[in-house]
């Protein structure tokens, strides 16, 4: 039986992509992905899904206070924005050069770099 410990799931988005939010309070807004949590299938999008965090006073920050911070959004609620057209598009994967899989836009059929 094969071990699946080295298998990393493939997602339709990755760090650095511009995405559009499909559901939630920030529906319709778009932003850049800062990080992707593979285990939880969630991503942090720049400037979206802001939550309020209360910061306890410490030696380095004696004032403490309230801070706005981005929270993770589930990947199923994100859709990739095609860099050429600027519209949200579904993505597919097909073999490119060197036999590696490349992402492409299902709307235009063009390969998405990144």
N, C-alpha and C. Protein backbone atom coordinates (compact mmCIF):
# COMPACT_ATOMS: atom_id res chain seq x y z
N UNK A 1 0.84 -1.19 0.00
CA UNK A 1 0.00 0.00 0.00
C UNK A 1 0.88 1.25 0.00
N UNK A 2 0.52 2.24 -0.84
CA UNK A 2 1.32 3.45 -0.96
C UNK A 2 1.09 4.39 0.21
N UNK A 3 2.15 5.07 0.60
CA UNK A 3 2.05 6.07 1.65
C UNK A 3 1.64 7.40 1.05
N UNK A 4 0.68 8.07 1.67
CA UNK A 4 0.21 9.35 1.15
C UNK A 4 0.76 10.53 1.95
N UNK A 5 1.84 10.31 2.69
CA UNK A 5 2.38 11.38 3.52
C UNK A 5 3.02 12.48 2.68
N UNK A 6 3.57 12.15 1.52
CA UNK A 6 4.22 13.16 0.69
C UNK A 6 3.28 13.82 -0.30
N UNK A 7 2.04 13.36 -0.37
CA UNK A 7 1.08 13.92 -1.32
C UNK A 7 0.56 15.25 -0.81
N UNK A 8 0.77 16.31 -1.59
CA UNK A 8 0.27 17.63 -1.23
C UNK A 8 -0.91 17.92 -2.14
N UNK A 9 -2.06 18.31 -1.58
CA UNK A 9 -3.22 18.54 -2.44
C UNK A 9 -3.00 19.72 -3.38
N UNK A 10 -3.62 19.64 -4.55
CA UNK A 10 -3.53 20.71 -5.54
C UNK A 10 -4.79 21.57 -5.39
N UNK A 11 -4.60 22.87 -5.29
CA UNK A 11 -5.71 23.80 -5.17
C UNK A 11 -5.77 24.68 -6.41
N UNK A 12 -6.92 25.32 -6.61
CA UNK A 12 -7.11 26.18 -7.78
C UNK A 12 -6.47 27.55 -7.59
N UNK A 13 -6.05 27.87 -6.36
CA UNK A 13 -5.39 29.15 -6.08
C UNK A 13 -4.12 28.90 -5.29
N UNK A 14 -3.20 29.86 -5.34
CA UNK A 14 -2.00 29.76 -4.53
C UNK A 14 -1.54 31.16 -4.12
N UNK A 15 -0.53 31.22 -3.27
CA UNK A 15 -0.03 32.48 -2.74
C UNK A 15 0.37 33.41 -3.88
N UNK A 16 -0.07 34.67 -3.78
CA UNK A 16 0.25 35.67 -4.79
C UNK A 16 -0.85 35.87 -5.81
N UNK A 17 -1.82 34.95 -5.89
CA UNK A 17 -2.92 35.10 -6.85
C UNK A 17 -3.88 36.18 -6.40
N UNK A 18 -4.53 36.82 -7.36
CA UNK A 18 -5.62 37.73 -7.07
C UNK A 18 -6.92 36.94 -7.16
N UNK A 19 -7.74 37.03 -6.11
CA UNK A 19 -8.97 36.24 -6.05
C UNK A 19 -10.17 37.13 -5.76
N UNK A 20 -11.34 36.61 -6.09
CA UNK A 20 -12.61 37.27 -5.80
C UNK A 20 -13.34 36.43 -4.77
N UNK A 21 -13.97 37.07 -3.78
CA UNK A 21 -14.70 36.35 -2.74
C UNK A 21 -16.12 36.08 -3.22
N UNK A 22 -16.56 34.82 -3.12
CA UNK A 22 -17.87 34.41 -3.61
C UNK A 22 -18.95 34.41 -2.55
N UNK A 23 -18.57 34.32 -1.27
CA UNK A 23 -19.57 34.23 -0.21
C UNK A 23 -19.04 34.87 1.06
N UNK A 24 -19.95 35.33 1.89
CA UNK A 24 -19.57 35.92 3.17
C UNK A 24 -19.77 37.42 3.18
N UNK A 25 -19.29 38.07 4.22
CA UNK A 25 -19.46 39.51 4.39
C UNK A 25 -18.74 40.31 3.31
N UNK A 26 -17.63 39.77 2.79
CA UNK A 26 -16.84 40.48 1.78
C UNK A 26 -17.14 40.00 0.37
N UNK A 27 -18.34 39.46 0.15
CA UNK A 27 -18.73 38.93 -1.16
C UNK A 27 -18.59 40.01 -2.24
N UNK A 28 -17.94 39.62 -3.35
CA UNK A 28 -17.76 40.54 -4.47
C UNK A 28 -16.46 41.30 -4.45
N UNK A 29 -15.78 41.34 -3.30
CA UNK A 29 -14.51 42.06 -3.21
C UNK A 29 -13.38 41.15 -3.68
N UNK A 30 -12.27 41.77 -4.08
CA UNK A 30 -11.12 40.98 -4.50
C UNK A 30 -9.86 41.46 -3.80
N UNK A 31 -8.89 40.58 -3.71
CA UNK A 31 -7.62 40.89 -3.07
C UNK A 31 -6.58 39.84 -3.40
N UNK A 32 -5.37 40.06 -2.90
CA UNK A 32 -4.24 39.19 -3.17
C UNK A 32 -4.07 38.19 -2.02
N UNK A 33 -3.79 36.94 -2.34
CA UNK A 33 -3.59 35.91 -1.31
C UNK A 33 -2.23 36.08 -0.67
N UNK A 34 -2.22 36.20 0.66
CA UNK A 34 -0.97 36.34 1.41
C UNK A 34 -0.41 34.97 1.80
N UNK A 35 -1.28 34.04 2.19
CA UNK A 35 -0.83 32.70 2.56
C UNK A 35 -1.97 31.71 2.41
N UNK A 36 -1.61 30.42 2.24
CA UNK A 36 -2.58 29.35 2.11
C UNK A 36 -2.27 28.31 3.18
N UNK A 37 -3.29 27.92 3.96
CA UNK A 37 -3.15 26.86 4.95
C UNK A 37 -3.65 25.56 4.30
N UNK A 38 -2.72 24.67 3.95
CA UNK A 38 -3.05 23.47 3.21
C UNK A 38 -3.90 22.51 4.04
N UNK A 39 -3.57 22.36 5.32
CA UNK A 39 -4.29 21.42 6.18
C UNK A 39 -5.74 21.83 6.40
N UNK A 40 -5.98 23.12 6.56
CA UNK A 40 -7.34 23.61 6.83
C UNK A 40 -8.06 24.06 5.56
N UNK A 41 -7.40 23.99 4.40
CA UNK A 41 -7.91 24.46 3.12
C UNK A 41 -8.50 25.87 3.21
N UNK A 42 -7.69 26.77 3.79
CA UNK A 42 -8.10 28.16 3.95
C UNK A 42 -6.97 29.08 3.47
N UNK A 43 -7.34 30.31 3.13
CA UNK A 43 -6.35 31.28 2.68
C UNK A 43 -6.60 32.62 3.36
N UNK A 44 -5.52 33.38 3.55
CA UNK A 44 -5.63 34.74 4.09
C UNK A 44 -5.49 35.68 2.91
N UNK A 45 -6.51 36.54 2.72
CA UNK A 45 -6.54 37.48 1.60
C UNK A 45 -6.30 38.88 2.13
N UNK A 46 -5.42 39.62 1.47
CA UNK A 46 -5.01 40.94 1.90
C UNK A 46 -6.20 41.91 1.96
N UNK A 47 -6.44 42.46 3.16
CA UNK A 47 -7.46 43.48 3.35
C UNK A 47 -8.89 42.98 3.42
N UNK A 48 -9.11 41.66 3.39
CA UNK A 48 -10.46 41.12 3.43
C UNK A 48 -10.68 40.24 4.67
N UNK A 49 -11.95 40.09 5.05
CA UNK A 49 -12.36 39.29 6.21
C UNK A 49 -11.64 39.76 7.47
N UNK A 50 -11.71 41.05 7.73
CA UNK A 50 -11.03 41.63 8.89
C UNK A 50 -11.78 41.30 10.17
N UNK A 51 -11.02 40.90 11.19
CA UNK A 51 -11.57 40.63 12.52
C UNK A 51 -10.85 41.51 13.53
N UNK A 52 -11.50 41.77 14.66
CA UNK A 52 -10.92 42.60 15.71
C UNK A 52 -10.25 41.70 16.74
N UNK A 53 -8.97 41.94 17.00
CA UNK A 53 -8.23 41.18 18.00
C UNK A 53 -7.83 42.13 19.13
N UNK A 54 -8.05 41.69 20.36
CA UNK A 54 -7.64 42.47 21.52
C UNK A 54 -6.24 42.03 21.93
N UNK A 55 -5.31 42.97 21.95
CA UNK A 55 -3.91 42.68 22.24
C UNK A 55 -3.63 43.00 23.70
N UNK A 56 -3.14 41.99 24.41
CA UNK A 56 -2.81 42.15 25.83
C UNK A 56 -1.52 42.97 25.97
N UNK A 57 -1.45 43.87 26.94
CA UNK A 57 -0.20 44.63 27.13
C UNK A 57 0.97 43.71 27.48
N UNK A 58 2.11 43.96 26.84
CA UNK A 58 3.33 43.19 27.11
C UNK A 58 4.47 44.16 27.32
N UNK A 59 5.66 43.63 27.57
CA UNK A 59 6.83 44.48 27.77
C UNK A 59 7.18 45.23 26.48
N UNK A 60 7.03 44.58 25.35
CA UNK A 60 7.34 45.23 24.08
C UNK A 60 6.23 46.19 23.64
N UNK A 61 5.00 45.89 24.03
CA UNK A 61 3.85 46.73 23.67
C UNK A 61 3.06 47.04 24.95
N UNK A 62 3.53 47.99 25.77
CA UNK A 62 2.90 48.23 27.07
C UNK A 62 1.48 48.80 26.98
N UNK A 63 1.13 49.38 25.83
CA UNK A 63 -0.20 49.96 25.68
C UNK A 63 -1.27 48.89 25.42
N UNK A 64 -0.90 47.83 24.68
CA UNK A 64 -1.91 46.85 24.29
C UNK A 64 -2.81 47.46 23.24
N UNK A 65 -4.10 47.11 23.27
CA UNK A 65 -5.05 47.76 22.38
C UNK A 65 -5.85 46.80 21.53
N UNK A 66 -6.54 47.37 20.56
CA UNK A 66 -7.40 46.61 19.65
C UNK A 66 -6.81 46.73 18.25
N UNK A 67 -6.71 45.59 17.56
CA UNK A 67 -6.07 45.54 16.26
C UNK A 67 -6.99 44.84 15.26
N UNK A 68 -7.07 45.36 14.05
CA UNK A 68 -7.80 44.70 12.96
C UNK A 68 -6.82 43.79 12.21
N UNK A 69 -7.25 42.56 11.95
CA UNK A 69 -6.37 41.58 11.33
C UNK A 69 -7.18 40.72 10.35
N UNK A 70 -6.52 40.28 9.26
CA UNK A 70 -7.19 39.42 8.30
C UNK A 70 -7.37 38.02 8.87
N UNK A 71 -8.56 37.45 8.67
CA UNK A 71 -8.83 36.07 9.08
C UNK A 71 -8.89 35.20 7.82
N UNK A 72 -8.74 33.90 8.00
CA UNK A 72 -8.71 32.97 6.87
C UNK A 72 -10.11 32.79 6.27
N UNK A 73 -10.13 32.58 4.95
CA UNK A 73 -11.36 32.32 4.21
C UNK A 73 -11.20 30.94 3.56
N UNK A 74 -12.27 30.14 3.58
CA UNK A 74 -12.20 28.81 2.97
C UNK A 74 -12.00 28.93 1.46
N UNK A 75 -11.19 28.03 0.89
CA UNK A 75 -10.85 28.12 -0.52
C UNK A 75 -12.06 27.95 -1.44
N UNK A 76 -13.10 27.28 -0.96
CA UNK A 76 -14.29 27.11 -1.80
C UNK A 76 -15.03 28.43 -2.00
N UNK A 77 -14.75 29.43 -1.16
CA UNK A 77 -15.38 30.73 -1.29
C UNK A 77 -14.53 31.73 -2.07
N UNK A 78 -13.46 31.25 -2.70
CA UNK A 78 -12.57 32.11 -3.48
C UNK A 78 -12.53 31.64 -4.93
N UNK A 79 -12.46 32.61 -5.85
CA UNK A 79 -12.35 32.30 -7.26
C UNK A 79 -11.23 33.13 -7.86
N UNK A 80 -10.39 32.49 -8.64
CA UNK A 80 -9.24 33.15 -9.24
C UNK A 80 -9.68 34.22 -10.24
N UNK A 81 -9.00 35.36 -10.21
CA UNK A 81 -9.25 36.43 -11.19
C UNK A 81 -8.21 36.30 -12.29
N UNK A 82 -8.69 36.18 -13.54
CA UNK A 82 -7.80 36.06 -14.69
C UNK A 82 -6.99 37.35 -14.84
N UNK A 83 -5.65 37.27 -14.83
CA UNK A 83 -4.84 38.48 -14.91
C UNK A 83 -5.02 39.27 -16.21
N UNK A 84 -5.37 38.60 -17.30
CA UNK A 84 -5.50 39.29 -18.58
C UNK A 84 -6.84 40.01 -18.71
N UNK A 85 -7.94 39.35 -18.32
CA UNK A 85 -9.27 39.95 -18.50
C UNK A 85 -9.75 40.70 -17.26
N UNK A 86 -9.24 40.33 -16.09
CA UNK A 86 -9.68 40.97 -14.85
C UNK A 86 -10.99 40.43 -14.33
N UNK A 87 -11.49 39.33 -14.90
CA UNK A 87 -12.74 38.72 -14.46
C UNK A 87 -12.45 37.42 -13.74
N UNK A 88 -13.37 37.03 -12.84
CA UNK A 88 -13.24 35.76 -12.13
C UNK A 88 -13.46 34.62 -13.12
N UNK A 89 -12.66 33.56 -12.98
CA UNK A 89 -12.75 32.44 -13.90
C UNK A 89 -12.50 31.13 -13.17
N UNK A 90 -13.11 30.08 -13.68
CA UNK A 90 -12.78 28.75 -13.19
C UNK A 90 -11.46 28.34 -13.81
N UNK A 91 -10.77 27.42 -13.14
CA UNK A 91 -9.47 27.00 -13.65
C UNK A 91 -9.45 25.50 -13.87
N UNK A 92 -8.57 25.10 -14.76
CA UNK A 92 -8.31 23.69 -15.01
C UNK A 92 -6.82 23.48 -15.04
N UNK A 93 -6.40 22.22 -15.10
CA UNK A 93 -4.97 21.92 -15.20
C UNK A 93 -4.75 21.00 -16.40
N UNK A 94 -3.72 21.32 -17.17
CA UNK A 94 -3.35 20.48 -18.30
C UNK A 94 -1.83 20.42 -18.38
N UNK A 95 -1.29 19.35 -18.96
CA UNK A 95 0.16 19.25 -19.04
C UNK A 95 0.75 20.34 -19.93
N UNK A 96 1.80 20.97 -19.44
CA UNK A 96 2.51 21.98 -20.21
C UNK A 96 3.85 21.45 -20.64
N UNK A 97 4.82 22.36 -20.80
CA UNK A 97 6.16 21.91 -21.16
C UNK A 97 6.78 21.16 -19.98
N UNK A 98 7.68 20.26 -20.28
CA UNK A 98 8.37 19.41 -19.30
C UNK A 98 7.40 18.45 -18.60
N UNK A 99 6.17 18.31 -19.08
CA UNK A 99 5.22 17.38 -18.48
C UNK A 99 4.61 17.85 -17.17
N UNK A 100 4.93 19.07 -16.73
CA UNK A 100 4.36 19.59 -15.49
C UNK A 100 2.97 20.14 -15.78
N UNK A 101 2.09 20.07 -14.76
CA UNK A 101 0.75 20.61 -14.92
C UNK A 101 0.78 22.13 -14.85
N UNK A 102 0.05 22.77 -15.73
CA UNK A 102 -0.08 24.22 -15.71
C UNK A 102 -1.57 24.56 -15.58
N UNK A 103 -1.85 25.66 -14.90
CA UNK A 103 -3.23 26.10 -14.74
C UNK A 103 -3.65 26.91 -15.96
N UNK A 104 -4.92 26.77 -16.34
CA UNK A 104 -5.43 27.59 -17.44
C UNK A 104 -6.83 28.08 -17.09
N UNK A 105 -7.20 29.19 -17.70
CA UNK A 105 -8.51 29.78 -17.49
C UNK A 105 -9.53 29.05 -18.35
N UNK A 106 -10.62 28.60 -17.75
CA UNK A 106 -11.65 27.91 -18.53
C UNK A 106 -12.46 28.90 -19.35
N UNK A 107 -12.41 30.18 -18.98
CA UNK A 107 -13.15 31.20 -19.71
C UNK A 107 -12.46 31.55 -21.03
N UNK A 108 -11.13 31.76 -20.96
CA UNK A 108 -10.39 32.18 -22.16
C UNK A 108 -9.54 31.05 -22.74
N UNK A 109 -9.22 30.04 -21.94
CA UNK A 109 -8.38 28.95 -22.41
C UNK A 109 -6.90 29.24 -22.33
N UNK A 110 -6.52 30.43 -21.84
CA UNK A 110 -5.10 30.81 -21.77
C UNK A 110 -4.46 30.30 -20.49
N UNK A 111 -3.17 30.02 -20.58
CA UNK A 111 -2.40 29.55 -19.42
C UNK A 111 -2.21 30.69 -18.42
N UNK A 112 -2.37 30.38 -17.14
CA UNK A 112 -2.20 31.36 -16.09
C UNK A 112 -0.84 31.14 -15.46
N UNK A 113 0.01 32.15 -15.52
CA UNK A 113 1.35 32.06 -14.93
C UNK A 113 1.28 32.33 -13.45
N UNK A 114 2.24 31.76 -12.71
CA UNK A 114 2.31 32.05 -11.29
C UNK A 114 2.19 30.86 -10.43
